[in-house]
mmCIF file of all heavy atoms, coordinates in Angstrom:
data_MODEL
# 
_entry.id   MODEL 
# 
loop_
_atom_site.group_PDB 
_atom_site.id 
_atom_site.type_symbol 
_atom_site.label_atom_id 
_atom_site.label_alt_id 
_atom_site.label_comp_id 
_atom_site.label_asym_id 
_atom_site.label_entity_id 
_atom_site.label_seq_id 
_atom_site.pdbx_PDB_ins_code 
_atom_site.Cartn_x 
_atom_site.Cartn_y 
_atom_site.Cartn_z 
_atom_site.occupancy 
_atom_site.B_iso_or_equiv 
_atom_site.pdbx_formal_charge 
_atom_site.auth_seq_id 
_atom_site.auth_comp_id 
_atom_site.auth_asym_id 
_atom_site.auth_atom_id 
_atom_site.pdbx_PDB_model_num 
ATOM 1   N N   . GLY A 1 1  ? 114.583 46.139 318.585 1.00 0.00 ? 1  GLY A N   1 
ATOM 2   C CA  . GLY A 1 1  ? 114.020 47.408 318.168 1.00 0.00 ? 1  GLY A CA  1 
ATOM 3   C C   . GLY A 1 1  ? 112.556 47.604 318.495 1.00 0.00 ? 1  GLY A C   1 
ATOM 4   O O   . GLY A 1 1  ? 112.003 48.672 318.242 1.00 0.00 ? 1  GLY A O   1 
ATOM 5   N N   . THR A 1 2  ? 111.912 46.614 319.074 1.00 0.00 ? 2  THR A N   1 
ATOM 6   C CA  . THR A 1 2  ? 110.494 46.749 319.419 1.00 0.00 ? 2  THR A CA  1 
ATOM 7   C C   . THR A 1 2  ? 110.336 47.698 320.607 1.00 0.00 ? 2  THR A C   1 
ATOM 8   O O   . THR A 1 2  ? 111.064 47.602 321.597 1.00 0.00 ? 2  THR A O   1 
ATOM 9   C CB  . THR A 1 2  ? 109.892 45.378 319.778 1.00 0.00 ? 2  THR A CB  1 
ATOM 10  O OG1 . THR A 1 2  ? 110.157 44.453 318.722 1.00 0.00 ? 2  THR A OG1 1 
ATOM 11  C CG2 . THR A 1 2  ? 108.383 45.492 319.960 1.00 0.00 ? 2  THR A CG2 1 
ATOM 12  N N   . GLU A 1 3  ? 109.378 48.617 320.487 1.00 0.00 ? 3  GLU A N   1 
ATOM 13  C CA  . GLU A 1 3  ? 109.044 49.513 321.588 1.00 0.00 ? 3  GLU A CA  1 
ATOM 14  C C   . GLU A 1 3  ? 107.936 48.858 322.410 1.00 0.00 ? 3  GLU A C   1 
ATOM 15  O O   . GLU A 1 3  ? 106.887 48.509 321.871 1.00 0.00 ? 3  GLU A O   1 
ATOM 16  C CB  . GLU A 1 3  ? 108.583 50.866 321.043 1.00 0.00 ? 3  GLU A CB  1 
ATOM 17  C CG  . GLU A 1 3  ? 109.687 51.599 320.285 1.00 0.00 ? 3  GLU A CG  1 
ATOM 18  C CD  . GLU A 1 3  ? 109.165 52.807 319.533 1.00 0.00 ? 3  GLU A CD  1 
ATOM 19  O OE1 . GLU A 1 3  ? 108.425 52.615 318.551 1.00 0.00 ? 3  GLU A OE1 1 
ATOM 20  O OE2 . GLU A 1 3  ? 109.495 53.935 319.920 1.00 0.00 ? 3  GLU A OE2 1 
ATOM 21  N N   . VAL A 1 4  ? 108.187 48.701 323.695 1.00 0.00 ? 4  VAL A N   1 
ATOM 22  C CA  . VAL A 1 4  ? 107.289 47.907 324.530 1.00 0.00 ? 4  VAL A CA  1 
ATOM 23  C C   . VAL A 1 4  ? 106.978 48.612 325.848 1.00 0.00 ? 4  VAL A C   1 
ATOM 24  O O   . VAL A 1 4  ? 107.557 49.635 326.189 1.00 0.00 ? 4  VAL A O   1 
ATOM 25  C CB  . VAL A 1 4  ? 107.889 46.505 324.825 1.00 0.00 ? 4  VAL A CB  1 
ATOM 26  C CG1 . VAL A 1 4  ? 107.996 45.676 323.559 1.00 0.00 ? 4  VAL A CG1 1 
ATOM 27  C CG2 . VAL A 1 4  ? 109.257 46.640 325.490 1.00 0.00 ? 4  VAL A CG2 1 
ATOM 28  N N   . ASP A 1 5  ? 106.055 47.995 326.581 1.00 0.00 ? 5  ASP A N   1 
ATOM 29  C CA  . ASP A 1 5  ? 105.661 48.465 327.905 1.00 0.00 ? 5  ASP A CA  1 
ATOM 30  C C   . ASP A 1 5  ? 106.852 48.406 328.862 1.00 0.00 ? 5  ASP A C   1 
ATOM 31  O O   . ASP A 1 5  ? 107.718 47.531 328.746 1.00 0.00 ? 5  ASP A O   1 
ATOM 32  C CB  . ASP A 1 5  ? 104.526 47.562 328.418 1.00 0.00 ? 5  ASP A CB  1 
ATOM 33  C CG  . ASP A 1 5  ? 103.970 48.006 329.744 1.00 0.00 ? 5  ASP A CG  1 
ATOM 34  O OD1 . ASP A 1 5  ? 103.038 48.822 329.742 1.00 0.00 ? 5  ASP A OD1 1 
ATOM 35  O OD2 . ASP A 1 5  ? 104.467 47.530 330.780 1.00 0.00 ? 5  ASP A OD2 1 
ATOM 36  N N   . MET A 1 6  ? 106.874 49.334 329.825 1.00 0.00 ? 6  MET A N   1 
ATOM 37  C CA  . MET A 1 6  ? 107.994 49.413 330.753 1.00 0.00 ? 6  MET A CA  1 
ATOM 38  C C   . MET A 1 6  ? 108.143 48.185 331.643 1.00 0.00 ? 6  MET A C   1 
ATOM 39  O O   . MET A 1 6  ? 109.215 47.966 332.237 1.00 0.00 ? 6  MET A O   1 
ATOM 40  C CB  . MET A 1 6  ? 107.878 50.664 331.613 1.00 0.00 ? 6  MET A CB  1 
ATOM 41  C CG  . MET A 1 6  ? 106.645 50.750 332.470 1.00 0.00 ? 6  MET A CG  1 
ATOM 42  S SD  . MET A 1 6  ? 106.556 52.317 333.384 1.00 0.00 ? 6  MET A SD  1 
ATOM 43  C CE  . MET A 1 6  ? 107.930 52.117 334.518 1.00 0.00 ? 6  MET A CE  1 
ATOM 44  N N   . ASP A 1 7  ? 107.111 47.339 331.718 1.00 0.00 ? 7  ASP A N   1 
ATOM 45  C CA  . ASP A 1 7  ? 107.251 46.098 332.496 1.00 0.00 ? 7  ASP A CA  1 
ATOM 46  C C   . ASP A 1 7  ? 108.339 45.205 331.929 1.00 0.00 ? 7  ASP A C   1 
ATOM 47  O O   . ASP A 1 7  ? 108.937 44.410 332.669 1.00 0.00 ? 7  ASP A O   1 
ATOM 48  C CB  . ASP A 1 7  ? 105.920 45.336 332.539 1.00 0.00 ? 7  ASP A CB  1 
ATOM 49  C CG  . ASP A 1 7  ? 104.970 45.902 333.589 1.00 0.00 ? 7  ASP A CG  1 
ATOM 50  O OD1 . ASP A 1 7  ? 105.445 46.492 334.566 1.00 0.00 ? 7  ASP A OD1 1 
ATOM 51  O OD2 . ASP A 1 7  ? 103.742 45.778 333.424 1.00 0.00 ? 7  ASP A OD2 1 
ATOM 52  N N   . PHE A 1 8  ? 108.616 45.322 330.625 1.00 0.00 ? 8  PHE A N   1 
ATOM 53  C CA  . PHE A 1 8  ? 109.709 44.531 330.052 1.00 0.00 ? 8  PHE A CA  1 
ATOM 54  C C   . PHE A 1 8  ? 111.050 44.950 330.646 1.00 0.00 ? 8  PHE A C   1 
ATOM 55  O O   . PHE A 1 8  ? 111.982 44.148 330.718 1.00 0.00 ? 8  PHE A O   1 
ATOM 56  C CB  . PHE A 1 8  ? 109.713 44.653 328.528 1.00 0.00 ? 8  PHE A CB  1 
ATOM 57  C CG  . PHE A 1 8  ? 108.745 43.727 327.861 1.00 0.00 ? 8  PHE A CG  1 
ATOM 58  C CD1 . PHE A 1 8  ? 107.425 44.108 327.680 1.00 0.00 ? 8  PHE A CD1 1 
ATOM 59  C CD2 . PHE A 1 8  ? 109.129 42.474 327.432 1.00 0.00 ? 8  PHE A CD2 1 
ATOM 60  C CE1 . PHE A 1 8  ? 106.505 43.257 327.092 1.00 0.00 ? 8  PHE A CE1 1 
ATOM 61  C CE2 . PHE A 1 8  ? 108.223 41.607 326.833 1.00 0.00 ? 8  PHE A CE2 1 
ATOM 62  C CZ  . PHE A 1 8  ? 106.905 41.998 326.674 1.00 0.00 ? 8  PHE A CZ  1 
ATOM 63  N N   . GLY A 1 9  ? 111.139 46.208 331.071 1.00 0.00 ? 9  GLY A N   1 
ATOM 64  C CA  . GLY A 1 9  ? 112.338 46.635 331.778 1.00 0.00 ? 9  GLY A CA  1 
ATOM 65  C C   . GLY A 1 9  ? 112.513 45.869 333.072 1.00 0.00 ? 9  GLY A C   1 
ATOM 66  O O   . GLY A 1 9  ? 113.619 45.431 333.412 1.00 0.00 ? 9  GLY A O   1 
ATOM 67  N N   . HIS A 1 10 ? 111.411 45.669 333.806 1.00 0.00 ? 10 HIS A N   1 
ATOM 68  C CA  . HIS A 1 10 ? 111.478 44.873 335.034 1.00 0.00 ? 10 HIS A CA  1 
ATOM 69  C C   . HIS A 1 10 ? 111.904 43.436 334.722 1.00 0.00 ? 10 HIS A C   1 
ATOM 70  O O   . HIS A 1 10 ? 112.755 42.874 335.421 1.00 0.00 ? 10 HIS A O   1 
ATOM 71  C CB  . HIS A 1 10 ? 110.124 44.853 335.738 1.00 0.00 ? 10 HIS A CB  1 
ATOM 72  C CG  . HIS A 1 10 ? 109.637 46.199 336.179 1.00 0.00 ? 10 HIS A CG  1 
ATOM 73  N ND1 . HIS A 1 10 ? 110.455 47.129 336.765 1.00 0.00 ? 10 HIS A ND1 1 
ATOM 74  C CD2 . HIS A 1 10 ? 108.397 46.773 336.119 1.00 0.00 ? 10 HIS A CD2 1 
ATOM 75  C CE1 . HIS A 1 10 ? 109.763 48.219 337.057 1.00 0.00 ? 10 HIS A CE1 1 
ATOM 76  N NE2 . HIS A 1 10 ? 108.516 48.028 336.669 1.00 0.00 ? 10 HIS A NE2 1 
ATOM 77  N N   . TYR A 1 11 ? 111.315 42.853 333.682 1.00 0.00 ? 11 TYR A N   1 
ATOM 78  C CA  . TYR A 1 11 ? 111.657 41.461 333.333 1.00 0.00 ? 11 TYR A CA  1 
ATOM 79  C C   . TYR A 1 11 ? 113.161 41.331 333.073 1.00 0.00 ? 11 TYR A C   1 
ATOM 80  O O   . TYR A 1 11 ? 113.824 40.429 333.593 1.00 0.00 ? 11 TYR A O   1 
ATOM 81  C CB  . TYR A 1 11 ? 110.898 41.001 332.093 1.00 0.00 ? 11 TYR A CB  1 
ATOM 82  C CG  . TYR A 1 11 ? 109.389 41.118 332.132 1.00 0.00 ? 11 TYR A CG  1 
ATOM 83  C CD1 . TYR A 1 11 ? 108.663 41.285 330.953 1.00 0.00 ? 11 TYR A CD1 1 
ATOM 84  C CD2 . TYR A 1 11 ? 108.689 41.063 333.327 1.00 0.00 ? 11 TYR A CD2 1 
ATOM 85  C CE1 . TYR A 1 11 ? 107.277 41.388 330.960 1.00 0.00 ? 11 TYR A CE1 1 
ATOM 86  C CE2 . TYR A 1 11 ? 107.308 41.173 333.347 1.00 0.00 ? 11 TYR A CE2 1 
ATOM 87  C CZ  . TYR A 1 11 ? 106.602 41.340 332.162 1.00 0.00 ? 11 TYR A CZ  1 
ATOM 88  O OH  . TYR A 1 11 ? 105.238 41.452 332.166 1.00 0.00 ? 11 TYR A OH  1 
ATOM 89  N N   . GLU A 1 12 ? 113.684 42.229 332.251 1.00 0.00 ? 12 GLU A N   1 
ATOM 90  C CA  . GLU A 1 12 ? 115.098 42.118 331.869 1.00 0.00 ? 12 GLU A CA  1 
ATOM 91  C C   . GLU A 1 12 ? 116.026 42.458 333.028 1.00 0.00 ? 12 GLU A C   1 
ATOM 92  O O   . GLU A 1 12 ? 117.056 41.806 333.216 1.00 0.00 ? 12 GLU A O   1 
ATOM 93  C CB  . GLU A 1 12 ? 115.391 43.009 330.666 1.00 0.00 ? 12 GLU A CB  1 
ATOM 94  C CG  . GLU A 1 12 ? 114.675 42.558 329.389 1.00 0.00 ? 12 GLU A CG  1 
ATOM 95  C CD  . GLU A 1 12 ? 115.305 43.117 328.128 1.00 0.00 ? 12 GLU A CD  1 
ATOM 96  O OE1 . GLU A 1 12 ? 116.256 43.920 328.235 1.00 0.00 ? 12 GLU A OE1 1 
ATOM 97  O OE2 . GLU A 1 12 ? 114.847 42.760 327.024 1.00 0.00 ? 12 GLU A OE2 1 
ATOM 98  N N   . ARG A 1 13 ? 115.664 43.466 333.815 1.00 0.00 ? 13 ARG A N   1 
ATOM 99  C CA  . ARG A 1 13 ? 116.522 43.867 334.940 1.00 0.00 ? 13 ARG A CA  1 
ATOM 100 C C   . ARG A 1 13 ? 116.566 42.799 336.025 1.00 0.00 ? 13 ARG A C   1 
ATOM 101 O O   . ARG A 1 13 ? 117.597 42.585 336.655 1.00 0.00 ? 13 ARG A O   1 
ATOM 102 C CB  . ARG A 1 13 ? 116.036 45.191 335.529 1.00 0.00 ? 13 ARG A CB  1 
ATOM 103 C CG  . ARG A 1 13 ? 116.307 46.391 334.642 1.00 0.00 ? 13 ARG A CG  1 
ATOM 104 C CD  . ARG A 1 13 ? 116.016 47.699 335.348 1.00 0.00 ? 13 ARG A CD  1 
ATOM 105 N NE  . ARG A 1 13 ? 114.598 48.013 335.391 1.00 0.00 ? 13 ARG A NE  1 
ATOM 106 C CZ  . ARG A 1 13 ? 113.965 48.756 334.497 1.00 0.00 ? 13 ARG A CZ  1 
ATOM 107 N NH1 . ARG A 1 13 ? 114.623 49.231 333.456 1.00 0.00 ? 13 ARG A NH1 1 
ATOM 108 N NH2 . ARG A 1 13 ? 112.679 49.026 334.618 1.00 0.00 ? 13 ARG A NH2 1 
ATOM 109 N N   . PHE A 1 14 ? 115.445 42.139 336.269 1.00 0.00 ? 14 PHE A N   1 
ATOM 110 C CA  . PHE A 1 14 ? 115.397 41.101 337.296 1.00 0.00 ? 14 PHE A CA  1 
ATOM 111 C C   . PHE A 1 14 ? 116.048 39.806 336.815 1.00 0.00 ? 14 PHE A C   1 
ATOM 112 O O   . PHE A 1 14 ? 116.793 39.170 337.562 1.00 0.00 ? 14 PHE A O   1 
ATOM 113 C CB  . PHE A 1 14 ? 113.946 40.812 337.699 1.00 0.00 ? 14 PHE A CB  1 
ATOM 114 C CG  . PHE A 1 14 ? 113.385 41.772 338.721 1.00 0.00 ? 14 PHE A CG  1 
ATOM 115 C CD1 . PHE A 1 14 ? 113.374 43.138 338.505 1.00 0.00 ? 14 PHE A CD1 1 
ATOM 116 C CD2 . PHE A 1 14 ? 112.853 41.307 339.910 1.00 0.00 ? 14 PHE A CD2 1 
ATOM 117 C CE1 . PHE A 1 14 ? 112.846 44.023 339.441 1.00 0.00 ? 14 PHE A CE1 1 
ATOM 118 C CE2 . PHE A 1 14 ? 112.322 42.173 340.864 1.00 0.00 ? 14 PHE A CE2 1 
ATOM 119 C CZ  . PHE A 1 14 ? 112.330 43.540 340.623 1.00 0.00 ? 14 PHE A CZ  1 
ATOM 120 N N   . LEU A 1 15 ? 115.748 39.404 335.602 1.00 0.00 ? 15 LEU A N   1 
ATOM 121 C CA  . LEU A 1 15 ? 116.161 38.089 335.131 1.00 0.00 ? 15 LEU A CA  1 
ATOM 122 C C   . LEU A 1 15 ? 117.511 38.079 334.417 1.00 0.00 ? 15 LEU A C   1 
ATOM 123 O O   . LEU A 1 15 ? 118.091 37.013 334.203 1.00 0.00 ? 15 LEU A O   1 
ATOM 124 C CB  . LEU A 1 15 ? 115.101 37.510 334.190 1.00 0.00 ? 15 LEU A CB  1 
ATOM 125 C CG  . LEU A 1 15 ? 113.712 37.297 334.810 1.00 0.00 ? 15 LEU A CG  1 
ATOM 126 C CD1 . LEU A 1 15 ? 112.714 36.849 333.755 1.00 0.00 ? 15 LEU A CD1 1 
ATOM 127 C CD2 . LEU A 1 15 ? 113.769 36.285 335.944 1.00 0.00 ? 15 LEU A CD2 1 
ATOM 128 N N   . GLY A 1 16 ? 117.992 39.249 334.023 1.00 0.00 ? 16 GLY A N   1 
ATOM 129 C CA  . GLY A 1 16 ? 119.253 39.303 333.291 1.00 0.00 ? 16 GLY A CA  1 
ATOM 130 C C   . GLY A 1 16 ? 119.154 38.673 331.926 1.00 0.00 ? 16 GLY A C   1 
ATOM 131 O O   . GLY A 1 16 ? 120.116 38.048 331.439 1.00 0.00 ? 16 GLY A O   1 
ATOM 132 N N   . ILE A 1 17 ? 117.990 38.807 331.276 1.00 0.00 ? 17 ILE A N   1 
ATOM 133 C CA  . ILE A 1 17 ? 117.764 38.198 329.968 1.00 0.00 ? 17 ILE A CA  1 
ATOM 134 C C   . ILE A 1 17 ? 117.445 39.278 328.938 1.00 0.00 ? 17 ILE A C   1 
ATOM 135 O O   . ILE A 1 17 ? 117.248 40.442 329.273 1.00 0.00 ? 17 ILE A O   1 
ATOM 136 C CB  . ILE A 1 17 ? 116.592 37.192 330.010 1.00 0.00 ? 17 ILE A CB  1 
ATOM 137 C CG1 . ILE A 1 17 ? 115.287 37.914 330.405 1.00 0.00 ? 17 ILE A CG1 1 
ATOM 138 C CG2 . ILE A 1 17 ? 116.894 36.050 330.978 1.00 0.00 ? 17 ILE A CG2 1 
ATOM 139 C CD1 . ILE A 1 17 ? 114.043 37.050 330.291 1.00 0.00 ? 17 ILE A CD1 1 
ATOM 140 N N   . LYS A 1 18 ? 117.400 38.875 327.678 1.00 0.00 ? 18 LYS A N   1 
ATOM 141 C CA  . LYS A 1 18 ? 116.975 39.756 326.592 1.00 0.00 ? 18 LYS A CA  1 
ATOM 142 C C   . LYS A 1 18 ? 115.658 39.231 326.047 1.00 0.00 ? 18 LYS A C   1 
ATOM 143 O O   . LYS A 1 18 ? 115.570 38.077 325.623 1.00 0.00 ? 18 LYS A O   1 
ATOM 144 C CB  . LYS A 1 18 ? 118.035 39.809 325.495 1.00 0.00 ? 18 LYS A CB  1 
ATOM 145 C CG  . LYS A 1 18 ? 119.344 40.429 325.950 1.00 0.00 ? 18 LYS A CG  1 
ATOM 146 C CD  . LYS A 1 18 ? 120.410 40.355 324.878 1.00 0.00 ? 18 LYS A CD  1 
ATOM 147 C CE  . LYS A 1 18 ? 121.726 40.960 325.372 1.00 0.00 ? 18 LYS A CE  1 
ATOM 148 N NZ  . LYS A 1 18 ? 122.807 40.842 324.358 1.00 0.00 ? 18 LYS A NZ  1 
ATOM 149 N N   . THR A 1 19 ? 114.659 40.064 326.082 1.00 0.00 ? 19 THR A N   1 
ATOM 150 C CA  . THR A 1 19 ? 113.347 39.661 325.577 1.00 0.00 ? 19 THR A CA  1 
ATOM 151 C C   . THR A 1 19 ? 113.195 40.103 324.126 1.00 0.00 ? 19 THR A C   1 
ATOM 152 O O   . THR A 1 19 ? 114.025 40.830 323.582 1.00 0.00 ? 19 THR A O   1 
ATOM 153 C CB  . THR A 1 19 ? 112.220 40.260 326.435 1.00 0.00 ? 19 THR A CB  1 
ATOM 154 O OG1 . THR A 1 19 ? 112.397 41.675 326.517 1.00 0.00 ? 19 THR A OG1 1 
ATOM 155 C CG2 . THR A 1 19 ? 112.244 39.676 327.845 1.00 0.00 ? 19 THR A CG2 1 
ATOM 156 N N   . ALA A 1 20 ? 112.104 39.661 323.487 1.00 0.00 ? 20 ALA A N   1 
ATOM 157 C CA  . ALA A 1 20 ? 111.882 39.950 322.069 1.00 0.00 ? 20 ALA A CA  1 
ATOM 158 C C   . ALA A 1 20 ? 110.494 40.526 321.860 1.00 0.00 ? 20 ALA A C   1 
ATOM 159 O O   . ALA A 1 20 ? 109.590 40.353 322.694 1.00 0.00 ? 20 ALA A O   1 
ATOM 160 C CB  . ALA A 1 20 ? 112.053 38.671 321.246 1.00 0.00 ? 20 ALA A CB  1 
ATOM 161 N N   . GLY A 1 21 ? 110.316 41.198 320.734 1.00 0.00 ? 21 GLY A N   1 
ATOM 162 C CA  . GLY A 1 21 ? 109.047 41.841 320.420 1.00 0.00 ? 21 GLY A CA  1 
ATOM 163 C C   . GLY A 1 21 ? 107.867 40.897 320.401 1.00 0.00 ? 21 GLY A C   1 
ATOM 164 O O   . GLY A 1 21 ? 106.735 41.293 320.692 1.00 0.00 ? 21 GLY A O   1 
ATOM 165 N N   . LYS A 1 22 ? 108.113 39.627 320.065 1.00 0.00 ? 22 LYS A N   1 
ATOM 166 C CA  . LYS A 1 22 ? 107.034 38.640 320.024 1.00 0.00 ? 22 LYS A CA  1 
ATOM 167 C C   . LYS A 1 22 ? 106.403 38.416 321.385 1.00 0.00 ? 22 LYS A C   1 
ATOM 168 O O   . LYS A 1 22 ? 105.284 37.900 321.483 1.00 0.00 ? 22 LYS A O   1 
ATOM 169 C CB  . LYS A 1 22 ? 107.553 37.304 319.489 1.00 0.00 ? 22 LYS A CB  1 
ATOM 170 C CG  . LYS A 1 22 ? 107.705 37.248 317.979 1.00 0.00 ? 22 LYS A CG  1 
ATOM 171 C CD  . LYS A 1 22 ? 107.993 35.841 317.524 1.00 0.00 ? 22 LYS A CD  1 
ATOM 172 C CE  . LYS A 1 22 ? 107.999 35.745 316.001 1.00 0.00 ? 22 LYS A CE  1 
ATOM 173 N NZ  . LYS A 1 22 ? 108.224 34.347 315.540 1.00 0.00 ? 22 LYS A NZ  1 
ATOM 174 N N   . GLN A 1 23 ? 107.122 38.801 322.431 1.00 0.00 ? 23 GLN A N   1 
ATOM 175 C CA  . GLN A 1 23 ? 106.612 38.582 323.787 1.00 0.00 ? 23 GLN A CA  1 
ATOM 176 C C   . GLN A 1 23 ? 105.666 39.694 324.249 1.00 0.00 ? 23 GLN A C   1 
ATOM 177 O O   . GLN A 1 23 ? 105.113 39.613 325.329 1.00 0.00 ? 23 GLN A O   1 
ATOM 178 C CB  . GLN A 1 23 ? 107.794 38.456 324.751 1.00 0.00 ? 23 GLN A CB  1 
ATOM 179 C CG  . GLN A 1 23 ? 108.624 37.194 324.535 1.00 0.00 ? 23 GLN A CG  1 
ATOM 180 C CD  . GLN A 1 23 ? 109.984 37.246 325.191 1.00 0.00 ? 23 GLN A CD  1 
ATOM 181 O OE1 . GLN A 1 23 ? 111.020 37.248 324.535 1.00 0.00 ? 23 GLN A OE1 1 
ATOM 182 N NE2 . GLN A 1 23 ? 109.987 37.292 326.514 1.00 0.00 ? 23 GLN A NE2 1 
ATOM 183 N N   . ASN A 1 24 ? 105.474 40.704 323.420 1.00 0.00 ? 24 ASN A N   1 
ATOM 184 C CA  . ASN A 1 24 ? 104.569 41.801 323.746 1.00 0.00 ? 24 ASN A CA  1 
ATOM 185 C C   . ASN A 1 24 ? 103.351 41.762 322.833 1.00 0.00 ? 24 ASN A C   1 
ATOM 186 O O   . ASN A 1 24 ? 103.462 41.945 321.631 1.00 0.00 ? 24 ASN A O   1 
ATOM 187 C CB  . ASN A 1 24 ? 105.298 43.142 323.598 1.00 0.00 ? 24 ASN A CB  1 
ATOM 188 C CG  . ASN A 1 24 ? 104.470 44.329 324.041 1.00 0.00 ? 24 ASN A CG  1 
ATOM 189 O OD1 . ASN A 1 24 ? 104.589 45.428 323.532 1.00 0.00 ? 24 ASN A OD1 1 
ATOM 190 N ND2 . ASN A 1 24 ? 103.599 44.120 325.024 1.00 0.00 ? 24 ASN A ND2 1 
ATOM 191 N N   . LEU A 1 25 ? 102.193 41.503 323.412 1.00 0.00 ? 25 LEU A N   1 
ATOM 192 C CA  . LEU A 1 25 ? 100.936 41.471 322.658 1.00 0.00 ? 25 LEU A CA  1 
ATOM 193 C C   . LEU A 1 25 ? 100.075 42.652 323.086 1.00 0.00 ? 25 LEU A C   1 
ATOM 194 O O   . LEU A 1 25 ? 99.952  42.933 324.277 1.00 0.00 ? 25 LEU A O   1 
ATOM 195 C CB  . LEU A 1 25 ? 100.161 40.177 322.927 1.00 0.00 ? 25 LEU A CB  1 
ATOM 196 C CG  . LEU A 1 25 ? 100.546 38.925 322.132 1.00 0.00 ? 25 LEU A CG  1 
ATOM 197 C CD1 . LEU A 1 25 ? 101.956 38.475 322.461 1.00 0.00 ? 25 LEU A CD1 1 
ATOM 198 C CD2 . LEU A 1 25 ? 99.555  37.801 322.429 1.00 0.00 ? 25 LEU A CD2 1 
ATOM 199 N N   . THR A 1 26 ? 99.505  43.340 322.127 1.00 0.00 ? 26 THR A N   1 
ATOM 200 C CA  . THR A 1 26 ? 98.502  44.362 322.411 1.00 0.00 ? 26 THR A CA  1 
ATOM 201 C C   . THR A 1 26 ? 97.256  44.040 321.593 1.00 0.00 ? 26 THR A C   1 
ATOM 202 O O   . THR A 1 26 ? 97.339  43.341 320.574 1.00 0.00 ? 26 THR A O   1 
ATOM 203 C CB  . THR A 1 26 ? 98.985  45.777 322.035 1.00 0.00 ? 26 THR A CB  1 
ATOM 204 O OG1 . THR A 1 26 ? 99.035  45.894 320.603 1.00 0.00 ? 26 THR A OG1 1 
ATOM 205 C CG2 . THR A 1 26 ? 100.357 46.064 322.617 1.00 0.00 ? 26 THR A CG2 1 
ATOM 206 N N   . SER A 1 27 ? 96.123  44.556 322.028 1.00 0.00 ? 27 SER A N   1 
ATOM 207 C CA  . SER A 1 27 ? 94.902  44.348 321.238 1.00 0.00 ? 27 SER A CA  1 
ATOM 208 C C   . SER A 1 27 ? 95.102  44.892 319.837 1.00 0.00 ? 27 SER A C   1 
ATOM 209 O O   . SER A 1 27 ? 94.689  44.273 318.850 1.00 0.00 ? 27 SER A O   1 
ATOM 210 C CB  . SER A 1 27 ? 93.710  45.046 321.897 1.00 0.00 ? 27 SER A CB  1 
ATOM 211 O OG  . SER A 1 27 ? 93.362  44.401 323.101 1.00 0.00 ? 27 SER A OG  1 
# 
């Protein structure tokens, strides 16, 4: 349910994995 930067779309589409909100850091 975490809303993240669109680069996470690239990560998941390329790697075939599911990422998590903890992997997105903002200031």
